[in-house]
């Protein structure tokens, strides 16, 4: 059986932390900024972690 390939499109969008968690960027940042509060925009700039329910589903995309 051949090796599994890493899904490059997904790998470019996330990073794996040292403890194995998956770091991601927030959505809703690219436009309609005038409708959002300053607090929302500041919080969306920070990276978030992938939810634990999605981690097991997405780990296979990164194994390669």
PDB file of N, CA and C in Angstrom:
ATOM      1  N   UNK A   1       0.842  -1.180   0.000  1.00  0.00           N
ATOM      2  CA  UNK A   1       0.000   0.000   0.000  1.00  0.00           C
ATOM      3  C   UNK A   1       0.894   1.254   0.000  1.00  0.00           C
ATOM      4  N   UNK A   2       0.604   2.238  -0.848  1.00  0.00           N
ATOM      5  CA  UNK A   2       1.444   3.432  -0.899  1.00  0.00           C
ATOM      6  C   UNK A   2       1.248   4.319   0.327  1.00  0.00           C
ATOM      7  N   UNK A   3       2.203   5.226   0.518  1.00  0.00           N
ATOM      8  CA  UNK A   3       2.111   6.158   1.639  1.00  0.00           C
ATOM      9  C   UNK A   3       0.939   7.110   1.430  1.00  0.00           C
ATOM     10  N   UNK A   4       0.363   7.581   2.561  1.00  0.00           N
ATOM     11  CA  UNK A   4      -0.687   8.595   2.478  1.00  0.00           C
ATOM     12  C   UNK A   4      -0.045   9.940   2.164  1.00  0.00           C
ATOM     13  N   UNK A   5      -0.679  10.725   1.331  1.00  0.00           N
ATOM     14  CA  UNK A   5      -0.166  12.054   1.021  1.00  0.00           C
ATOM     15  C   UNK A   5      -0.845  13.091   1.904  1.00  0.00           C
ATOM     16  N   UNK A   6      -0.078  14.095   2.301  1.00  0.00           N
ATOM     17  CA  UNK A   6      -0.631  15.214   3.059  1.00  0.00           C
ATOM     18  C   UNK A   6      -1.515  16.043   2.144  1.00  0.00           C
ATOM     19  N   UNK A   7      -2.683  16.450   2.656  1.00  0.00           N
ATOM     20  CA  UNK A   7      -3.544  17.352   1.892  1.00  0.00           C
ATOM     21  C   UNK A   7      -2.951  18.747   2.014  1.00  0.00           C
ATOM     22  N   UNK A   8      -2.269  19.208   0.963  1.00  0.00           N
ATOM     23  CA  UNK A   8      -1.509  20.454   1.014  1.00  0.00           C
ATOM     24  C   UNK A   8      -2.404  21.675   1.257  1.00  0.00           C
ATOM     25  N   UNK A   9      -3.610  21.673   0.716  1.00  0.00           N
ATOM     26  CA  UNK A   9      -4.491  22.831   0.904  1.00  0.00           C
ATOM     27  C   UNK A   9      -4.836  23.015   2.374  1.00  0.00           C
ATOM     28  N   UNK A  10      -5.033  21.907   3.092  1.00  0.00           N
ATOM     29  CA  UNK A  10      -5.347  21.982   4.515  1.00  0.00           C
ATOM     30  C   UNK A  10      -4.099  22.324   5.322  1.00  0.00           C
ATOM     31  N   UNK A  11      -2.967  21.752   4.939  1.00  0.00           N
ATOM     32  CA  UNK A  11      -1.720  21.980   5.670  1.00  0.00           C
ATOM     33  C   UNK A  11      -1.290  23.440   5.619  1.00  0.00           C
ATOM     34  N   UNK A  12      -1.636  24.138   4.537  1.00  0.00           N
ATOM     35  CA  UNK A  12      -1.286  25.551   4.413  1.00  0.00           C
ATOM     36  C   UNK A  12      -2.142  26.431   5.324  1.00  0.00           C
ATOM     37  N   UNK A  13      -3.279  25.942   5.751  1.00  0.00           N
ATOM     38  CA  UNK A  13      -4.215  26.735   6.541  1.00  0.00           C
ATOM     39  C   UNK A  13      -4.087  26.524   8.046  1.00  0.00           C
ATOM     40  N   UNK A  14      -3.387  25.479   8.460  1.00  0.00           N
ATOM     41  CA  UNK A  14      -3.282  25.174   9.890  1.00  0.00           C
ATOM     42  C   UNK A  14      -1.834  24.859  10.262  1.00  0.00           C
ATOM     43  N   UNK A  15      -1.562  24.931  11.571  1.00  0.00           N
ATOM     44  CA  UNK A  15      -0.264  24.539  12.112  1.00  0.00           C
ATOM     45  C   UNK A  15      -0.532  23.613  13.298  1.00  0.00           C
ATOM     46  N   UNK A  16       0.352  22.641  13.498  1.00  0.00           N
ATOM     47  CA  UNK A  16       0.222  21.737  14.635  1.00  0.00           C
ATOM     48  C   UNK A  16       1.138  22.237  15.742  1.00  0.00           C
ATOM     49  N   UNK A  17       0.584  22.383  16.946  1.00  0.00           N
ATOM     50  CA  UNK A  17       1.372  22.858  18.083  1.00  0.00           C
ATOM     51  C   UNK A  17       2.225  21.718  18.621  1.00  0.00           C
ATOM     52  N   UNK A  18       3.103  22.041  19.554  1.00  0.00           N
ATOM     53  CA  UNK A  18       3.979  21.032  20.143  1.00  0.00           C
ATOM     54  C   UNK A  18       3.222  19.952  20.881  1.00  0.00           C
ATOM     55  N   UNK A  19       2.080  20.297  21.456  1.00  0.00           N
ATOM     56  CA  UNK A  19       1.280  19.313  22.199  1.00  0.00           C
ATOM     57  C   UNK A  19       0.305  18.563  21.303  1.00  0.00           C
ATOM     58  N   UNK A  20       0.314  18.884  19.988  1.00  0.00           N
ATOM     59  CA  UNK A  20      -0.526  18.142  19.049  1.00  0.00           C
ATOM     60  C   UNK A  20      -1.861  18.787  18.732  1.00  0.00           C
ATOM     61  N   UNK A  21      -2.128  19.960  19.307  1.00  0.00           N
ATOM     62  CA  UNK A  21      -3.364  20.661  18.976  1.00  0.00           C
ATOM     63  C   UNK A  21      -3.198  21.325  17.614  1.00  0.00           C
ATOM     64  N   UNK A  22      -4.323  21.636  16.962  1.00  0.00           N
ATOM     65  CA  UNK A  22      -4.269  22.241  15.635  1.00  0.00           C
ATOM     66  C   UNK A  22      -4.701  23.695  15.731  1.00  0.00           C
ATOM     67  N   UNK A  23      -3.795  24.600  15.312  1.00  0.00           N
ATOM     68  CA  UNK A  23      -4.040  26.039  15.355  1.00  0.00           C
ATOM     69  C   UNK A  23      -4.592  26.482  14.018  1.00  0.00           C
ATOM     70  N   UNK A  24      -5.562  27.408  14.047  1.00  0.00           N
ATOM     71  CA  UNK A  24      -6.208  27.863  12.821  1.00  0.00           C
ATOM     72  C   UNK A  24      -6.486  29.357  12.904  1.00  0.00           C
ATOM     73  N   UNK A  25      -6.829  29.946  11.759  1.00  0.00           N
ATOM     74  CA  UNK A  25      -7.214  31.349  11.722  1.00  0.00           C
ATOM     75  C   UNK A  25      -8.733  31.449  11.799  1.00  0.00           C
ATOM     76  N   UNK A  26      -9.221  32.589  12.273  1.00  0.00           N
ATOM     77  CA  UNK A  26     -10.657  32.811  12.357  1.00  0.00           C
ATOM     78  C   UNK A  26     -11.244  33.229  11.018  1.00  0.00           C
ATOM     79  N   UNK A  27     -12.482  32.889  10.809  1.00  0.00           N
ATOM     80  CA  UNK A  27     -13.220  33.334   9.627  1.00  0.00           C
ATOM     81  C   UNK A  27     -13.833  34.708   9.911  1.00  0.00           C
ATOM     82  N   UNK A  28     -14.516  35.263   8.914  1.00  0.00           N
ATOM     83  CA  UNK A  28     -15.249  36.533   9.028  1.00  0.00           C
ATOM     84  C   UNK A  28     -14.335  37.741   9.247  1.00  0.00           C
ATOM     85  N   UNK A  29     -13.118  37.712   8.691  1.00  0.00           N
ATOM     86  CA  UNK A  29     -12.206  38.839   8.872  1.00  0.00           C
ATOM     87  C   UNK A  29     -11.986  39.639   7.589  1.00  0.00           C
ATOM     88  N   UNK A  30     -12.365  39.093   6.440  1.00  0.00           N
ATOM     89  CA  UNK A  30     -11.936  39.704   5.190  1.00  0.00           C
ATOM     90  C   UNK A  30     -12.735  40.930   4.761  1.00  0.00           C
ATOM     91  N   UNK A  31     -14.028  40.979   5.021  1.00  0.00           N
ATOM     92  CA  UNK A  31     -14.799  42.158   4.635  1.00  0.00           C
ATOM     93  C   UNK A  31     -15.989  42.362   5.579  1.00  0.00           C
ATOM     94  N   UNK A  32     -16.773  43.417   5.310  1.00  0.00           N
ATOM     95  CA  UNK A  32     -17.862  43.856   6.194  1.00  0.00           C
ATOM     96  C   UNK A  32     -17.337  44.250   7.566  1.00  0.00           C
ATOM     97  N   UNK A  33     -16.156  44.834   7.587  1.00  0.00           N
ATOM     98  CA  UNK A  33     -15.535  45.200   8.863  1.00  0.00           C
ATOM     99  C   UNK A  33     -16.282  46.339   9.555  1.00  0.00           C
ATOM    100  N   UNK A  34     -16.948  47.180   8.783  1.00  0.00           N
ATOM    101  CA  UNK A  34     -17.651  48.325   9.383  1.00  0.00           C
ATOM    102  C   UNK A  34     -18.812  47.872  10.266  1.00  0.00           C
ATOM    103  N   UNK A  35     -19.340  46.690  10.009  1.00  0.00           N
ATOM    104  CA  UNK A  35     -20.460  46.175  10.801  1.00  0.00           C
ATOM    105  C   UNK A  35     -20.016  45.517  12.103  1.00  0.00           C
ATOM    106  N   UNK A  36     -18.713  45.306  12.273  1.00  0.00           N
ATOM    107  CA  UNK A  36     -18.213  44.619  13.462  1.00  0.00           C
ATOM    108  C   UNK A  36     -17.654  45.650  14.449  1.00  0.00           C
ATOM    109  N   UNK A  37     -17.737  45.302  15.730  1.00  0.00           N
ATOM    110  CA  UNK A  37     -17.178  46.173  16.751  1.00  0.00           C
ATOM    111  C   UNK A  37     -15.657  46.033  16.739  1.00  0.00           C
ATOM    112  N   UNK A  38     -14.973  47.002  17.344  1.00  0.00           N
ATOM    113  CA  UNK A  38     -13.509  46.952  17.437  1.00  0.00           C
ATOM    114  C   UNK A  38     -13.084  45.701  18.200  1.00  0.00           C
ATOM    115  N   UNK A  39     -13.827  45.376  19.256  1.00  0.00           N
ATOM    116  CA  UNK A  39     -13.508  44.201  20.068  1.00  0.00           C
ATOM    117  C   UNK A  39     -13.575  42.918  19.230  1.00  0.00           C
ATOM    118  N   UNK A  40     -14.605  42.796  18.391  1.00  0.00           N
ATOM    119  CA  UNK A  40     -14.744  41.621  17.530  1.00  0.00           C
ATOM    120  C   UNK A  40     -13.548  41.492  16.596  1.00  0.00           C
ATOM    121  N   UNK A  41     -13.164  42.623  15.985  1.00  0.00           N
ATOM    122  CA  UNK A  41     -12.078  42.605  15.011  1.00  0.00           C
ATOM    123  C   UNK A  41     -10.745  42.240  15.664  1.00  0.00           C
ATOM    124  N   UNK A  42     -10.510  42.725  16.880  1.00  0.00           N
ATOM    125  CA  UNK A  42      -9.281  42.394  17.594  1.00  0.00           C
ATOM    126  C   UNK A  42      -9.247  40.905  17.929  1.00  0.00           C
ATOM    127  N   UNK A  43     -10.383  40.385  18.394  1.00  0.00           N
ATOM    128  CA  UNK A  43     -10.429  38.978  18.785  1.00  0.00           C
ATOM    129  C   UNK A  43     -10.322  38.040  17.585  1.00  0.00           C
ATOM    130  N   UNK A  44     -10.827  38.459  16.435  1.00  0.00           N
ATOM    131  CA  UNK A  44     -10.746  37.628  15.234  1.00  0.00           C
ATOM    132  C   UNK A  44      -9.322  37.558  14.678  1.00  0.00           C
ATOM    133  N   UNK A  45      -8.480  38.554  15.008  1.00  0.00           N
ATOM    134  CA  UNK A  45      -7.092  38.552  14.536  1.00  0.00           C
ATOM    135  C   UNK A  45      -6.284  37.422  15.158  1.00  0.00           C
ATOM    136  N   UNK A  46      -6.616  37.069  16.386  1.00  0.00           N
ATOM    137  CA  UNK A  46      -5.851  36.056  17.105  1.00  0.00           C
ATOM    138  C   UNK A  46      -6.169  34.672  16.553  1.00  0.00           C
ATOM    139  N   UNK A  47      -5.188  33.808  16.560  1.00  0.00           N
ATOM    140  CA  UNK A  47      -5.396  32.434  16.095  1.00  0.00           C
ATOM    141  C   UNK A  47      -6.250  31.683  17.104  1.00  0.00           C
ATOM    142  N   UNK A  48      -7.008  30.713  16.612  1.00  0.00           N
ATOM    143  CA  UNK A  48      -7.819  29.879  17.486  1.00  0.00           C
ATOM    144  C   UNK A  48      -7.374  28.436  17.365  1.00  0.00           C
ATOM    145  N   UNK A  49      -7.928  27.597  18.206  1.00  0.00           N
ATOM    146  CA  UNK A  49      -7.634  26.167  18.136  1.00  0.00           C
ATOM    147  C   UNK A  49      -8.809  25.450  17.496  1.00  0.00           C
ATOM    148  N   UNK A  50      -8.500  24.410  16.763  1.00  0.00           N
ATOM    149  CA  UNK A  50      -9.536  23.595  16.161  1.00  0.00           C
ATOM    150  C   UNK A  50     -10.281  22.881  17.277  1.00  0.00           C
ATOM    151  N   UNK A  51     -11.591  22.774  17.179  1.00  0.00           N
ATOM    152  CA  UNK A  51     -12.396  22.126  18.209  1.00  0.00           C
ATOM    153  C   UNK A  51     -12.006  20.661  18.328  1.00  0.00           C
ATOM    154  N   UNK A  52     -12.078  20.139  19.538  1.00  0.00           N
ATOM    155  CA  UNK A  52     -11.641  18.758  19.789  1.00  0.00           C
ATOM    156  C   UNK A  52     -12.453  17.741  18.994  1.00  0.00           C
ATOM    157  N   UNK A  53     -13.705  18.080  18.665  1.00  0.00           N
ATOM    158  CA  UNK A  53     -14.532  17.156  17.890  1.00  0.00           C
ATOM    159  C   UNK A  53     -14.060  17.048  16.450  1.00  0.00           C
ATOM    160  N   UNK A  54     -13.350  18.072  15.957  1.00  0.00           N
ATOM    161  CA  UNK A  54     -12.864  18.057  14.583  1.00  0.00           C
ATOM    162  C   UNK A  54     -11.443  17.518  14.458  1.00  0.00           C
ATOM    163  N   UNK A  55     -10.711  17.434  15.568  1.00  0.00           N
ATOM    164  CA  UNK A  55      -9.297  17.053  15.503  1.00  0.00           C
ATOM    165  C   UNK A  55      -9.125  15.647  14.945  1.00  0.00           C
ATOM    166  N   UNK A  56      -9.891  14.691  15.443  1.00  0.00           N
ATOM    167  CA  UNK A  56      -9.724  13.309  14.982  1.00  0.00           C
ATOM    168  C   UNK A  56     -10.069  13.180  13.503  1.00  0.00           C
ATOM    169  N   UNK A  57     -11.013  13.991  13.045  1.00  0.00           N
ATOM    170  CA  UNK A  57     -11.435  13.948  11.643  1.00  0.00           C
ATOM    171  C   UNK A  57     -10.378  14.541  10.721  1.00  0.00           C
ATOM    172  N   UNK A  58      -9.620  15.520  11.222  1.00  0.00           N
ATOM    173  CA  UNK A  58      -8.685  16.236  10.361  1.00  0.00           C
ATOM    174  C   UNK A  58      -7.252  15.748  10.473  1.00  0.00           C
ATOM    175  N   UNK A  59      -6.901  14.971  11.500  1.00  0.00           N
ATOM    176  CA  UNK A  59      -5.532  14.478  11.647  1.00  0.00           C
ATOM    177  C   UNK A  59      -5.103  13.656  10.436  1.00  0.00           C
ATOM    178  N   UNK A  60      -6.043  12.932   9.848  1.00  0.00           N
ATOM    179  CA  UNK A  60      -5.738  12.115   8.670  1.00  0.00           C
ATOM    180  C   UNK A  60      -5.355  12.944   7.461  1.00  0.00           C
ATOM    181  N   UNK A  61      -5.848  14.195   7.402  1.00  0.00           N
ATOM    182  CA  UNK A  61      -5.497  15.058   6.286  1.00  0.00           C
ATOM    183  C   UNK A  61      -4.051  15.521   6.362  1.00  0.00           C
ATOM    184  N   UNK A  62      -3.491  15.539   7.572  1.00  0.00           N
ATOM    185  CA  UNK A  62      -2.132  16.041   7.754  1.00  0.00           C
ATOM    186  C   UNK A  62      -1.085  14.935   7.752  1.00  0.00           C
ATOM    187  N   UNK A  63      -1.495  13.693   7.886  1.00  0.00           N
ATOM    188  CA  UNK A  63      -0.515  12.604   7.899  1.00  0.00           C
ATOM    189  C   UNK A  63      -0.023  12.348   6.486  1.00  0.00           C
ATOM    190  N   UNK A  64       1.271  12.401   6.331  1.00  0.00           N
ATOM    191  CA  UNK A  64       1.790  12.204   4.987  1.00  0.00           C
ATOM    192  C   UNK A  64       3.226  11.831   4.963  1.00  0.00           C
TER     193      UNK A  64
END
